[in-house]
């Protein structure tokens, strides 16, 4: 009985061992298969991740480059805009400065004294029977002068050839009114109408269009009325008085005193000498020219393009 029991136990033990072996045999392949599959999956996952990384990194890099390019482009655009804005602002400022300088230069040209000493010889009340003789002396001395002529004389046909000659030889002819009457010109407000009529006569005779006039008896007191001065400005007329009065019209047969008056009155680098077409003035003219040459003055004729204001009313518009 005991023997049977032992035999039965051995069989049970063998059967269990066999079952374990069978289980082991079945599990080992499954384990290795799972291990291999897991390793393969891990490798594939690693490969996939690497592939994704390899694709993503260039994309990110490319995106960064595009972003940098966009930032650079924006920066250049902003820089260009700023540069253009600054350049435009600079150009506007420079243009404004240039314009201010030009205005200052023009203003200085009319207000400052000339760099060299100059003298304007002027003669009133012509034309006359002496006009050609004055022109002869001026031609011989190579001097240009400025004449202010009256309409009452300009209408005389026998004197008009002398007027033409004066223009041809380079002298300037301005207006000195039609009547030379103080009351008519200033009290009856005929200054501008008479000057316009006289300037029209000069243009008719010479073909030259003049704008400069000299008021008979001077702008003081003649042009103290602002109303008349406004009319002058509206008519585009310029007015000249003088810096030296030779008083020649009072010094008949005394040319020496005329010369002395001119000498004593000369004290500036720019002088405008008032004279008249009188015999004593004609006799004094060579001495006056000699004096100014000795003093280093240049003789100049009025130039409308370089007008400077010279009136006793000190009105810069005239």
C-alpha atoms as a PDB file:
ATOM      1  CA  UNK A   1       0.000   0.000   0.000  1.00  0.00           C
ATOM      2  CA  UNK A   2       2.817   2.291   0.867  1.00  0.00           C
ATOM      3  CA  UNK A   3       4.536   1.459  -2.350  1.00  0.00           C
ATOM      4  CA  UNK A   4       1.535   2.421  -4.370  1.00  0.00           C
ATOM      5  CA  UNK A   5       1.322   5.736  -2.702  1.00  0.00           C
ATOM      6  CA  UNK A   6       4.969   6.535  -3.438  1.00  0.00           C
ATOM      7  CA  UNK A   7       4.523   5.468  -6.989  1.00  0.00           C
ATOM      8  CA  UNK A   8       1.496   7.725  -7.289  1.00  0.00           C
ATOM      9  CA  UNK A   9       3.443  10.708  -5.842  1.00  0.00           C
ATOM     10  CA  UNK A  10       6.251  10.241  -8.313  1.00  0.00           C
ATOM     11  CA  UNK A  11       3.830  10.254 -11.186  1.00  0.00           C
ATOM     12  CA  UNK A  12       2.212  13.419  -9.940  1.00  0.00           C
ATOM     13  CA  UNK A  13       5.620  15.057  -9.588  1.00  0.00           C
ATOM     14  CA  UNK A  14       6.684  14.058 -13.088  1.00  0.00           C
ATOM     15  CA  UNK A  15       3.419  15.298 -14.478  1.00  0.00           C
ATOM     16  CA  UNK A  16       3.882  18.671 -12.809  1.00  0.00           C
ATOM     17  CA  UNK A  17       7.473  18.884 -14.059  1.00  0.00           C
ATOM     18  CA  UNK A  18       6.266  18.049 -17.517  1.00  0.00           C
ATOM     19  CA  UNK A  19       3.600  20.760 -17.300  1.00  0.00           C
ATOM     20  CA  UNK A  20       6.222  23.274 -16.137  1.00  0.00           C
ATOM     21  CA  UNK A  21       8.529  22.306 -18.951  1.00  0.00           C
ATOM     22  CA  UNK A  22       5.698  22.632 -21.433  1.00  0.00           C
ATOM     23  CA  UNK A  23       4.849  26.069 -20.055  1.00  0.00           C
ATOM     24  CA  UNK A  24       8.517  27.092 -20.194  1.00  0.00           C
ATOM     25  CA  UNK A  25       8.815  25.818 -23.726  1.00  0.00           C
ATOM     26  CA  UNK A  26       5.766  27.833 -24.657  1.00  0.00           C
ATOM     27  CA  UNK A  27       6.837  30.981 -22.798  1.00  0.00           C
ATOM     28  CA  UNK A  28      10.446  31.197 -23.995  1.00  0.00           C
ATOM     29  CA  UNK A  29       9.585  31.713 -27.652  1.00  0.00           C
ATOM     30  CA  UNK A  30       6.883  34.155 -26.680  1.00  0.00           C
ATOM     31  CA  UNK A  31       9.361  36.058 -24.523  1.00  0.00           C
ATOM     32  CA  UNK A  32      12.002  36.207 -27.220  1.00  0.00           C
ATOM     33  CA  UNK A  33       9.427  37.156 -29.814  1.00  0.00           C
ATOM     34  CA  UNK A  34       8.154  39.939 -27.593  1.00  0.00           C
ATOM     35  CA  UNK A  35      11.684  41.069 -26.848  1.00  0.00           C
ATOM     36  CA  UNK A  36      12.603  41.183 -30.507  1.00  0.00           C
ATOM     37  CA  UNK A  37       9.363  42.901 -31.451  1.00  0.00           C
ATOM     38  CA  UNK A  38       9.774  45.413 -28.626  1.00  0.00           C
ATOM     39  CA  UNK A  39      13.340  46.168 -29.609  1.00  0.00           C
ATOM     40  CA  UNK A  40      12.338  46.533 -33.220  1.00  0.00           C
ATOM     41  CA  UNK A  41       9.500  48.834 -32.229  1.00  0.00           C
ATOM     42  CA  UNK A  42      11.878  50.885 -30.123  1.00  0.00           C
ATOM     43  CA  UNK A  43      14.308  51.150 -33.001  1.00  0.00           C
ATOM     44  CA  UNK A  44      11.530  52.078 -35.394  1.00  0.00           C
ATOM     45  CA  UNK A  45      10.238  54.664 -32.968  1.00  0.00           C
ATOM     46  CA  UNK A  46      13.734  56.054 -32.613  1.00  0.00           C
ATOM     47  CA  UNK A  47      14.098  56.151 -36.379  1.00  0.00           C
ATOM     48  CA  UNK A  48      10.708  57.817 -36.739  1.00  0.00           C
ATOM     49  CA  UNK A  49      11.572  60.371 -34.085  1.00  0.00           C
ATOM     50  CA  UNK A  50      14.916  61.033 -35.730  1.00  0.00           C
ATOM     51  CA  UNK A  51      13.223  61.374 -39.092  1.00  0.00           C
ATOM     52  CA  UNK A  52      10.650  63.724 -37.668  1.00  0.00           C
ATOM     53  CA  UNK A  53      13.394  65.667 -35.911  1.00  0.00           C
ATOM     54  CA  UNK A  54      15.425  65.806 -39.112  1.00  0.00           C
ATOM     55  CA  UNK A  55      12.401  67.163 -40.973  1.00  0.00           C
ATOM     56  CA  UNK A  56      11.237  69.490 -38.248  1.00  0.00           C
ATOM     57  CA  UNK A  57      14.640  71.057 -37.509  1.00  0.00           C
ATOM     58  CA  UNK A  58      15.218  72.257 -41.119  1.00  0.00           C
ATOM     59  CA  UNK A  59      11.656  73.554 -41.140  1.00  0.00           C
ATOM     60  CA  UNK A  60      12.265  75.394 -37.895  1.00  0.00           C
ATOM     61  CA  UNK A  61      15.616  76.600 -39.203  1.00  0.00           C
ATOM     62  CA  UNK A  62      13.995  77.690 -42.446  1.00  0.00           C
ATOM     63  CA  UNK A  63      11.245  79.441 -40.490  1.00  0.00           C
ATOM     64  CA  UNK A  64      13.832  81.221 -38.400  1.00  0.00           C
ATOM     65  CA  UNK A  65      15.672  82.253 -41.549  1.00  0.00           C
ATOM     66  CA  UNK A  66      12.448  83.540 -43.119  1.00  0.00           C
ATOM     67  CA  UNK A  67      11.628  85.352 -39.897  1.00  0.00           C
ATOM     68  CA  UNK A  68      15.126  86.849 -39.878  1.00  0.00           C
ATOM     69  CA  UNK A  69      14.737  87.794 -43.525  1.00  0.00           C
ATOM     70  CA  UNK A  70      11.391  89.409 -42.781  1.00  0.00           C
ATOM     71  CA  UNK A  71      12.870  91.223 -39.800  1.00  0.00           C
ATOM     72  CA  UNK A  72      15.851  92.310 -41.919  1.00  0.00           C
ATOM     73  CA  UNK A  73      13.489  93.391 -44.690  1.00  0.00           C
ATOM     74  CA  UNK A  74      11.339  95.339 -42.245  1.00  0.00           C
ATOM     75  CA  UNK A  75      14.430  96.802 -40.671  1.00  0.00           C
ATOM     76  CA  UNK A  76      15.781  97.848 -44.077  1.00  0.00           C
ATOM     77  CA  UNK A  77      12.381  99.167 -45.078  1.00  0.00           C
ATOM     78  CA  UNK A  78      12.126 101.151 -41.860  1.00  0.00           C
ATOM     79  CA  UNK A  79      15.695 102.281 -42.354  1.00  0.00           C
ATOM     80  CA  UNK A  80      14.922 103.328 -45.941  1.00  0.00           C
ATOM     81  CA  UNK A  81      11.789 105.143 -44.799  1.00  0.00           C
ATOM     82  CA  UNK A  82      13.703 106.837 -42.015  1.00  0.00           C
ATOM     83  CA  UNK A  83      16.537 107.683 -44.377  1.00  0.00           C
ATOM     84  CA  UNK A  84      14.110 109.008 -46.985  1.00  0.00           C
ATOM     85  CA  UNK A  85      12.248 110.959 -44.319  1.00  0.00           C
ATOM     86  CA  UNK A  86      15.492 112.322 -42.932  1.00  0.00           C
ATOM     87  CA  UNK A  87      16.722 113.072 -46.446  1.00  0.00           C
ATOM     88  CA  UNK A  88      13.482 114.821 -47.361  1.00  0.00           C
ATOM     89  CA  UNK A  89      13.590 116.754 -44.113  1.00  0.00           C
ATOM     90  CA  UNK A  90      17.220 117.614 -44.738  1.00  0.00           C
ATOM     91  CA  UNK A  91      16.465 118.690 -48.298  1.00  0.00           C
ATOM     92  CA  UNK A  92      13.578 120.852 -47.092  1.00  0.00           C
ATOM     93  CA  UNK A  93      15.746 122.401 -44.383  1.00  0.00           C
ATOM     94  CA  UNK A  94      18.595 122.934 -46.835  1.00  0.00           C
ATOM     95  CA  UNK A  95      16.181 124.463 -49.373  1.00  0.00           C
ATOM     96  CA  UNK A  96      14.773 126.718 -46.649  1.00  0.00           C
ATOM     97  CA  UNK A  97      18.289 127.702 -45.543  1.00  0.00           C
ATOM     98  CA  UNK A  98      19.290 128.286 -49.185  1.00  0.00           C
ATOM     99  CA  UNK A  99      16.184 130.427 -49.719  1.00  0.00           C
ATOM    100  CA  UNK A 100      16.885 132.402 -46.524  1.00  0.00           C
ATOM    101  CA  UNK A 101      20.487 132.910 -47.645  1.00  0.00           C
ATOM    102  CA  UNK A 102      19.314 134.075 -51.070  1.00  0.00           C
ATOM    103  CA  UNK A 103      16.840 136.522 -49.514  1.00  0.00           C
ATOM    104  CA  UNK A 104      19.548 137.726 -47.131  1.00  0.00           C
ATOM    105  CA  UNK A 105      21.938 138.103 -50.045  1.00  0.00           C
ATOM    106  CA  UNK A 106      19.376 140.110 -52.039  1.00  0.00           C
ATOM    107  CA  UNK A 107      18.617 142.273 -49.029  1.00  0.00           C
ATOM    108  CA  UNK A 108      22.306 142.797 -48.350  1.00  0.00           C
ATOM    109  CA  UNK A 109      22.865 143.792 -51.980  1.00  0.00           C
ATOM    110  CA  UNK A 110      20.414 146.686 -51.529  1.00  0.00           C
ATOM    111  CA  UNK A 111      21.424 147.691 -48.007  1.00  0.00           C
ATOM    112  CA  UNK A 112      25.156 147.155 -47.752  1.00  0.00           C
ATOM    113  CA  UNK A 113      27.680 149.507 -49.246  1.00  0.00           C
ATOM    114  CA  UNK A 114      29.424 148.339 -52.426  1.00  0.00           C
ATOM    115  CA  UNK A 115      32.781 146.604 -52.125  1.00  0.00           C
ATOM    116  CA  UNK A 116      34.340 149.258 -54.364  1.00  0.00           C
ATOM    117  CA  UNK A 117      33.858 153.008 -54.492  1.00  0.00           C
ATOM    118  CA  UNK A 118      31.291 153.970 -57.119  1.00  0.00           C
ATOM    119  CA  UNK A 119      29.754 157.249 -58.248  1.00  0.00           C
ATOM    120  CA  UNK A 120      26.612 157.929 -60.286  1.00  0.00           C
ATOM    121  CA  UNK A 121      26.674 161.196 -62.229  1.00  0.00           C
ATOM    122  CA  UNK A 122      23.076 162.326 -62.817  1.00  0.00           C
ATOM    123  CA  UNK A 123      21.699 165.215 -64.871  1.00  0.00           C
ATOM    124  CA  UNK A 124      18.183 166.704 -64.587  1.00  0.00           C
ATOM    125  CA  UNK A 125      15.888 168.842 -66.770  1.00  0.00           C
ATOM    126  CA  UNK A 126      17.001 167.642 -70.209  1.00  0.00           C
ATOM    127  CA  UNK A 127      16.977 167.170 -73.021  1.00  0.00           C
ATOM    128  CA  UNK A 128      18.362 170.553 -73.959  1.00  0.00           C
ATOM    129  CA  UNK A 129      20.532 172.273 -76.528  1.00  0.00           C
ATOM    130  CA  UNK A 130      23.496 171.222 -74.350  1.00  0.00           C
ATOM    131  CA  UNK A 131      22.720 167.508 -74.261  1.00  0.00           C
ATOM    132  CA  UNK A 132      25.007 166.616 -77.156  1.00  0.00           C
ATOM    133  CA  UNK A 133      27.885 168.581 -75.556  1.00  0.00           C
ATOM    134  CA  UNK A 134      27.431 166.697 -72.292  1.00  0.00           C
ATOM    135  CA  UNK A 135      27.442 163.455 -74.266  1.00  0.00           C
ATOM    136  CA  UNK A 136      30.652 164.518 -76.015  1.00  0.00           C
ATOM    137  CA  UNK A 137      32.482 165.058 -72.720  1.00  0.00           C
ATOM    138  CA  UNK A 138      31.183 161.783 -71.292  1.00  0.00           C
ATOM    139  CA  UNK A 139      32.244 159.929 -74.432  1.00  0.00           C
ATOM    140  CA  UNK A 140      35.724 161.457 -74.354  1.00  0.00           C
ATOM    141  CA  UNK A 141      36.109 160.512 -70.687  1.00  0.00           C
ATOM    142  CA  UNK A 142      34.581 157.026 -71.186  1.00  0.00           C
ATOM    143  CA  UNK A 143      31.960 157.682 -68.517  1.00  0.00           C
ATOM    144  CA  UNK A 144      28.336 156.557 -68.429  1.00  0.00           C
ATOM    145  CA  UNK A 145      25.723 158.745 -66.741  1.00  0.00           C
ATOM    146  CA  UNK A 146      22.040 158.793 -65.771  1.00  0.00           C
ATOM    147  CA  UNK A 147      19.711 161.457 -67.204  1.00  0.00           C
ATOM    148  CA  UNK A 148      16.320 162.460 -65.790  1.00  0.00           C
ATOM    149  CA  UNK A 149      14.414 164.179 -68.577  1.00  0.00           C
ATOM    150  CA  UNK A 150      11.234 166.277 -68.640  1.00  0.00           C
ATOM    151  CA  UNK A 151       8.278 165.493 -70.851  1.00  0.00           C
ATOM    152  CA  UNK A 152       7.944 169.149 -71.851  1.00  0.00           C
ATOM    153  CA  UNK A 153      11.397 168.890 -73.451  1.00  0.00           C
ATOM    154  CA  UNK A 154      11.056 165.328 -74.735  1.00  0.00           C
ATOM    155  CA  UNK A 155       8.188 166.344 -76.993  1.00  0.00           C
ATOM    156  CA  UNK A 156      10.489 168.751 -78.878  1.00  0.00           C
ATOM    157  CA  UNK A 157      11.425 166.896 -82.052  1.00  0.00           C
ATOM    158  CA  UNK A 158      14.705 168.773 -82.511  1.00  0.00           C
ATOM    159  CA  UNK A 159      15.978 167.339 -79.217  1.00  0.00           C
ATOM    160  CA  UNK A 160      14.901 163.746 -79.724  1.00  0.00           C
ATOM    161  CA  UNK A 161      17.998 162.704 -81.677  1.00  0.00           C
ATOM    162  CA  UNK A 162      20.112 163.613 -78.650  1.00  0.00           C
ATOM    163  CA  UNK A 163      17.857 161.423 -76.510  1.00  0.00           C
ATOM    164  CA  UNK A 164      18.338 158.509 -78.879  1.00  0.00           C
ATOM    165  CA  UNK A 165      22.086 159.078 -78.907  1.00  0.00           C
ATOM    166  CA  UNK A 166      22.238 158.978 -75.125  1.00  0.00           C
ATOM    167  CA  UNK A 167      20.555 155.590 -75.074  1.00  0.00           C
ATOM    168  CA  UNK A 168      22.709 154.254 -77.903  1.00  0.00           C
ATOM    169  CA  UNK A 169      25.904 155.254 -76.074  1.00  0.00           C
ATOM    170  CA  UNK A 170      24.880 153.361 -72.934  1.00  0.00           C
ATOM    171  CA  UNK A 171      23.438 156.065 -70.706  1.00  0.00           C
ATOM    172  CA  UNK A 172      20.216 155.568 -68.747  1.00  0.00           C
ATOM    173  CA  UNK A 173      17.241 157.883 -69.204  1.00  0.00           C
ATOM    174  CA  UNK A 174      14.660 158.218 -66.433  1.00  0.00           C
ATOM    175  CA  UNK A 175      11.654 160.500 -66.018  1.00  0.00           C
ATOM    176  CA  UNK A 176      11.513 163.916 -64.338  1.00  0.00           C
ATOM    177  CA  UNK A 177       7.757 164.622 -64.836  1.00  0.00           C
ATOM    178  CA  UNK A 178       5.990 166.507 -67.607  1.00  0.00           C
ATOM    179  CA  UNK A 179       5.525 169.953 -66.023  1.00  0.00           C
ATOM    180  CA  UNK A 180       8.019 170.127 -63.124  1.00  0.00           C
ATOM    181  CA  UNK A 181       5.256 172.016 -61.243  1.00  0.00           C
ATOM    182  CA  UNK A 182       5.199 171.361 -57.472  1.00  0.00           C
ATOM    183  CA  UNK A 183       1.505 172.172 -57.054  1.00  0.00           C
ATOM    184  CA  UNK A 184       0.388 170.029 -59.957  1.00  0.00           C
ATOM    185  CA  UNK A 185       2.547 167.072 -59.028  1.00  0.00           C
ATOM    186  CA  UNK A 186       2.051 166.905 -55.278  1.00  0.00           C
ATOM    187  CA  UNK A 187      -0.982 168.975 -54.283  1.00  0.00           C
ATOM    188  CA  UNK A 188      -3.125 167.968 -57.220  1.00  0.00           C
ATOM    189  CA  UNK A 189      -1.901 164.374 -57.059  1.00  0.00           C
ATOM    190  CA  UNK A 190      -0.574 164.259 -60.620  1.00  0.00           C
ATOM    191  CA  UNK A 191       2.825 162.770 -59.792  1.00  0.00           C
ATOM    192  CA  UNK A 192       2.175 159.235 -61.042  1.00  0.00           C
ATOM    193  CA  UNK A 193       0.149 160.242 -64.130  1.00  0.00           C
ATOM    194  CA  UNK A 194       2.875 162.693 -65.204  1.00  0.00           C
ATOM    195  CA  UNK A 195       5.667 160.191 -64.593  1.00  0.00           C
ATOM    196  CA  UNK A 196       3.825 157.511 -66.556  1.00  0.00           C
ATOM    197  CA  UNK A 197       3.347 159.939 -69.443  1.00  0.00           C
ATOM    198  CA  UNK A 198       7.030 160.892 -69.398  1.00  0.00           C
ATOM    199  CA  UNK A 199       8.177 157.255 -69.244  1.00  0.00           C
ATOM    200  CA  UNK A 200       5.895 156.501 -72.211  1.00  0.00           C
ATOM    201  CA  UNK A 201       7.559 159.301 -74.198  1.00  0.00           C
ATOM    202  CA  UNK A 202      11.023 157.913 -73.401  1.00  0.00           C
ATOM    203  CA  UNK A 203       9.916 154.479 -74.596  1.00  0.00           C
ATOM    204  CA  UNK A 204       8.417 155.959 -77.763  1.00  0.00           C
ATOM    205  CA  UNK A 205      11.620 157.844 -78.603  1.00  0.00           C
ATOM    206  CA  UNK A 206      14.276 155.321 -77.589  1.00  0.00           C
ATOM    207  CA  UNK A 207      12.532 151.948 -77.516  1.00  0.00           C
ATOM    208  CA  UNK A 208      13.776 151.474 -73.954  1.00  0.00           C
ATOM    209  CA  UNK A 209      11.303 150.882 -71.159  1.00  0.00           C
ATOM    210  CA  UNK A 210      12.379 152.740 -68.029  1.00  0.00           C
ATOM    211  CA  UNK A 211      10.970 152.627 -64.488  1.00  0.00           C
ATOM    212  CA  UNK A 212      13.181 155.078 -62.584  1.00  0.00           C
ATOM    213  CA  UNK A 213      12.063 158.646 -61.882  1.00  0.00           C
ATOM    214  CA  UNK A 214      13.407 161.614 -59.977  1.00  0.00           C
ATOM    215  CA  UNK A 215      10.852 163.809 -58.178  1.00  0.00           C
ATOM    216  CA  UNK A 216      11.240 167.531 -58.963  1.00  0.00           C
ATOM    217  CA  UNK A 217      12.473 169.283 -55.787  1.00  0.00           C
ATOM    218  CA  UNK A 218      13.109 165.876 -54.233  1.00  0.00           C
ATOM    219  CA  UNK A 219      10.888 163.310 -52.533  1.00  0.00           C
ATOM    220  CA  UNK A 220      11.023 165.436 -49.379  1.00  0.00           C
ATOM    221  CA  UNK A 221       8.720 167.204 -49.032  1.00  0.00           C
ATOM    222  CA  UNK A 222       7.135 166.153 -52.331  1.00  0.00           C
ATOM    223  CA  UNK A 223       6.326 162.517 -51.526  1.00  0.00           C
ATOM    224  CA  UNK A 224       5.471 162.802 -47.839  1.00  0.00           C
ATOM    225  CA  UNK A 225       1.945 161.628 -48.711  1.00  0.00           C
ATOM    226  CA  UNK A 226       1.734 157.862 -48.226  1.00  0.00           C
ATOM    227  CA  UNK A 227      -1.170 157.833 -50.643  1.00  0.00           C
ATOM    228  CA  UNK A 228       1.083 159.039 -53.468  1.00  0.00           C
ATOM    229  CA  UNK A 229       3.817 156.572 -52.482  1.00  0.00           C
ATOM    230  CA  UNK A 230       1.295 153.741 -52.619  1.00  0.00           C
ATOM    231  CA  UNK A 231       0.325 154.869 -56.107  1.00  0.00           C
ATOM    232  CA  UNK A 232       4.000 154.846 -57.104  1.00  0.00           C
ATOM    233  CA  UNK A 233       4.399 151.278 -55.869  1.00  0.00           C
ATOM    234  CA  UNK A 234       1.244 150.157 -57.688  1.00  0.00           C
ATOM    235  CA  UNK A 235       2.550 151.755 -60.896  1.00  0.00           C
ATOM    236  CA  UNK A 236       5.846 149.801 -60.600  1.00  0.00           C
ATOM    237  CA  UNK A 237       7.844 153.032 -60.519  1.00  0.00           C
ATOM    238  CA  UNK A 238      11.154 153.447 -58.701  1.00  0.00           C
ATOM    239  CA  UNK A 239      12.313 156.738 -57.172  1.00  0.00           C
ATOM    240  CA  UNK A 240      15.793 158.177 -56.814  1.00  0.00           C
ATOM    241  CA  UNK A 241      16.902 161.302 -54.964  1.00  0.00           C
ATOM    242  CA  UNK A 242      20.634 161.993 -54.455  1.00  0.00           C
ATOM    243  CA  UNK A 243      23.465 161.924 -51.916  1.00  0.00           C
ATOM    244  CA  UNK A 244      25.245 165.091 -53.169  1.00  0.00           C
ATOM    245  CA  UNK A 245      23.592 168.292 -54.347  1.00  0.00           C
ATOM    246  CA  UNK A 246      26.073 170.254 -56.462  1.00  0.00           C
ATOM    247  CA  UNK A 247      23.833 173.359 -56.355  1.00  0.00           C
ATOM    248  CA  UNK A 248      24.987 173.964 -59.915  1.00  0.00           C
ATOM    249  CA  UNK A 249      21.740 175.639 -60.963  1.00  0.00           C
ATOM    250  CA  UNK A 250      22.482 178.555 -58.564  1.00  0.00           C
ATOM    251  CA  UNK A 251      26.136 178.973 -59.586  1.00  0.00           C
ATOM    252  CA  UNK A 252      26.031 180.606 -63.011  1.00  0.00           C
ATOM    253  CA  UNK A 253      29.539 181.255 -64.377  1.00  0.00           C
ATOM    254  CA  UNK A 254      31.095 179.598 -61.326  1.00  0.00           C
ATOM    255  CA  UNK A 255      32.110 176.035 -62.308  1.00  0.00           C
ATOM    256  CA  UNK A 256      34.933 176.021 -59.737  1.00  0.00           C
ATOM    257  CA  UNK A 257      32.439 176.254 -56.873  1.00  0.00           C
ATOM    258  CA  UNK A 258      30.419 173.441 -58.350  1.00  0.00           C
ATOM    259  CA  UNK A 259      33.515 171.242 -58.234  1.00  0.00           C
ATOM    260  CA  UNK A 260      34.182 172.270 -54.625  1.00  0.00           C
ATOM    261  CA  UNK A 261      30.607 171.483 -53.654  1.00  0.00           C
ATOM    262  CA  UNK A 262      30.978 168.009 -55.110  1.00  0.00           C
ATOM    263  CA  UNK A 263      34.317 167.444 -53.373  1.00  0.00           C
ATOM    264  CA  UNK A 264      33.053 168.571 -49.971  1.00  0.00           C
ATOM    265  CA  UNK A 265      29.920 166.471 -50.279  1.00  0.00           C
ATOM    266  CA  UNK A 266      31.783 163.266 -51.080  1.00  0.00           C
ATOM    267  CA  UNK A 267      32.105 161.136 -47.948  1.00  0.00           C
ATOM    268  CA  UNK A 268      30.769 157.685 -48.894  1.00  0.00           C
ATOM    269  CA  UNK A 269      31.808 154.746 -51.045  1.00  0.00           C
ATOM    270  CA  UNK A 270      28.639 155.170 -53.075  1.00  0.00           C
ATOM    271  CA  UNK A 271      27.627 158.639 -54.214  1.00  0.00           C
ATOM    272  CA  UNK A 272      24.813 159.897 -56.432  1.00  0.00           C
ATOM    273  CA  UNK A 273      25.560 163.432 -57.640  1.00  0.00           C
ATOM    274  CA  UNK A 274      22.709 165.788 -58.585  1.00  0.00           C
ATOM    275  CA  UNK A 275      23.502 168.096 -61.518  1.00  0.00           C
ATOM    276  CA  UNK A 276      21.591 169.849 -64.282  1.00  0.00           C
ATOM    277  CA  UNK A 277      22.099 170.515 -67.971  1.00  0.00           C
ATOM    278  CA  UNK A 278      23.536 174.007 -67.396  1.00  0.00           C
ATOM    279  CA  UNK A 279      26.511 175.757 -69.075  1.00  0.00           C
ATOM    280  CA  UNK A 280      28.394 176.084 -65.754  1.00  0.00           C
ATOM    281  CA  UNK A 281      27.863 172.374 -65.096  1.00  0.00           C
ATOM    282  CA  UNK A 282      29.194 171.483 -68.519  1.00  0.00           C
ATOM    283  CA  UNK A 283      32.313 173.515 -67.742  1.00  0.00           C
ATOM    284  CA  UNK A 284      32.724 171.816 -64.343  1.00  0.00           C
ATOM    285  CA  UNK A 285      32.177 168.267 -65.607  1.00  0.00           C
ATOM    286  CA  UNK A 286      35.790 167.439 -66.601  1.00  0.00           C
ATOM    287  CA  UNK A 287      37.036 168.592 -63.192  1.00  0.00           C
ATOM    288  CA  UNK A 288      34.397 166.508 -61.379  1.00  0.00           C
ATOM    289  CA  UNK A 289      35.365 163.418 -63.364  1.00  0.00           C
ATOM    290  CA  UNK A 290      39.057 164.010 -62.656  1.00  0.00           C
ATOM    291  CA  UNK A 291      38.376 164.360 -58.918  1.00  0.00           C
ATOM    292  CA  UNK A 292      36.549 161.057 -58.662  1.00  0.00           C
ATOM    293  CA  UNK A 293      39.197 159.248 -60.684  1.00  0.00           C
ATOM    294  CA  UNK A 294      41.874 160.557 -58.337  1.00  0.00           C
ATOM    295  CA  UNK A 295      39.832 159.252 -55.395  1.00  0.00           C
ATOM    296  CA  UNK A 296      39.588 155.768 -56.926  1.00  0.00           C
ATOM    297  CA  UNK A 297      35.882 155.868 -57.774  1.00  0.00           C
ATOM    298  CA  UNK A 298      34.322 153.833 -60.564  1.00  0.00           C
ATOM    299  CA  UNK A 299      31.728 155.588 -62.728  1.00  0.00           C
ATOM    300  CA  UNK A 300      28.542 153.556 -63.043  1.00  0.00           C
ATOM    301  CA  UNK A 301      25.151 154.009 -64.685  1.00  0.00           C
ATOM    302  CA  UNK A 302      21.836 153.121 -63.098  1.00  0.00           C
ATOM    303  CA  UNK A 303      20.923 149.454 -63.566  1.00  0.00           C
ATOM    304  CA  UNK A 304      17.308 148.433 -62.990  1.00  0.00           C
ATOM    305  CA  UNK A 305      18.381 144.861 -62.203  1.00  0.00           C
ATOM    306  CA  UNK A 306      20.435 146.149 -59.255  1.00  0.00           C
ATOM    307  CA  UNK A 307      18.181 148.880 -57.936  1.00  0.00           C
ATOM    308  CA  UNK A 308      18.806 150.173 -54.428  1.00  0.00           C
ATOM    309  CA  UNK A 309      16.425 152.487 -52.600  1.00  0.00           C
ATOM    310  CA  UNK A 310      17.550 156.109 -52.400  1.00  0.00           C
ATOM    311  CA  UNK A 311      14.753 158.418 -51.325  1.00  0.00           C
ATOM    312  CA  UNK A 312      14.460 161.023 -48.586  1.00  0.00           C
ATOM    313  CA  UNK A 313      11.245 159.411 -47.348  1.00  0.00           C
ATOM    314  CA  UNK A 314      13.279 156.259 -46.536  1.00  0.00           C
ATOM    315  CA  UNK A 315      10.552 154.116 -48.095  1.00  0.00           C
ATOM    316  CA  UNK A 316      12.160 150.777 -49.063  1.00  0.00           C
ATOM    317  CA  UNK A 317       9.392 150.075 -51.557  1.00  0.00           C
ATOM    318  CA  UNK A 318      10.435 152.925 -53.860  1.00  0.00           C
END
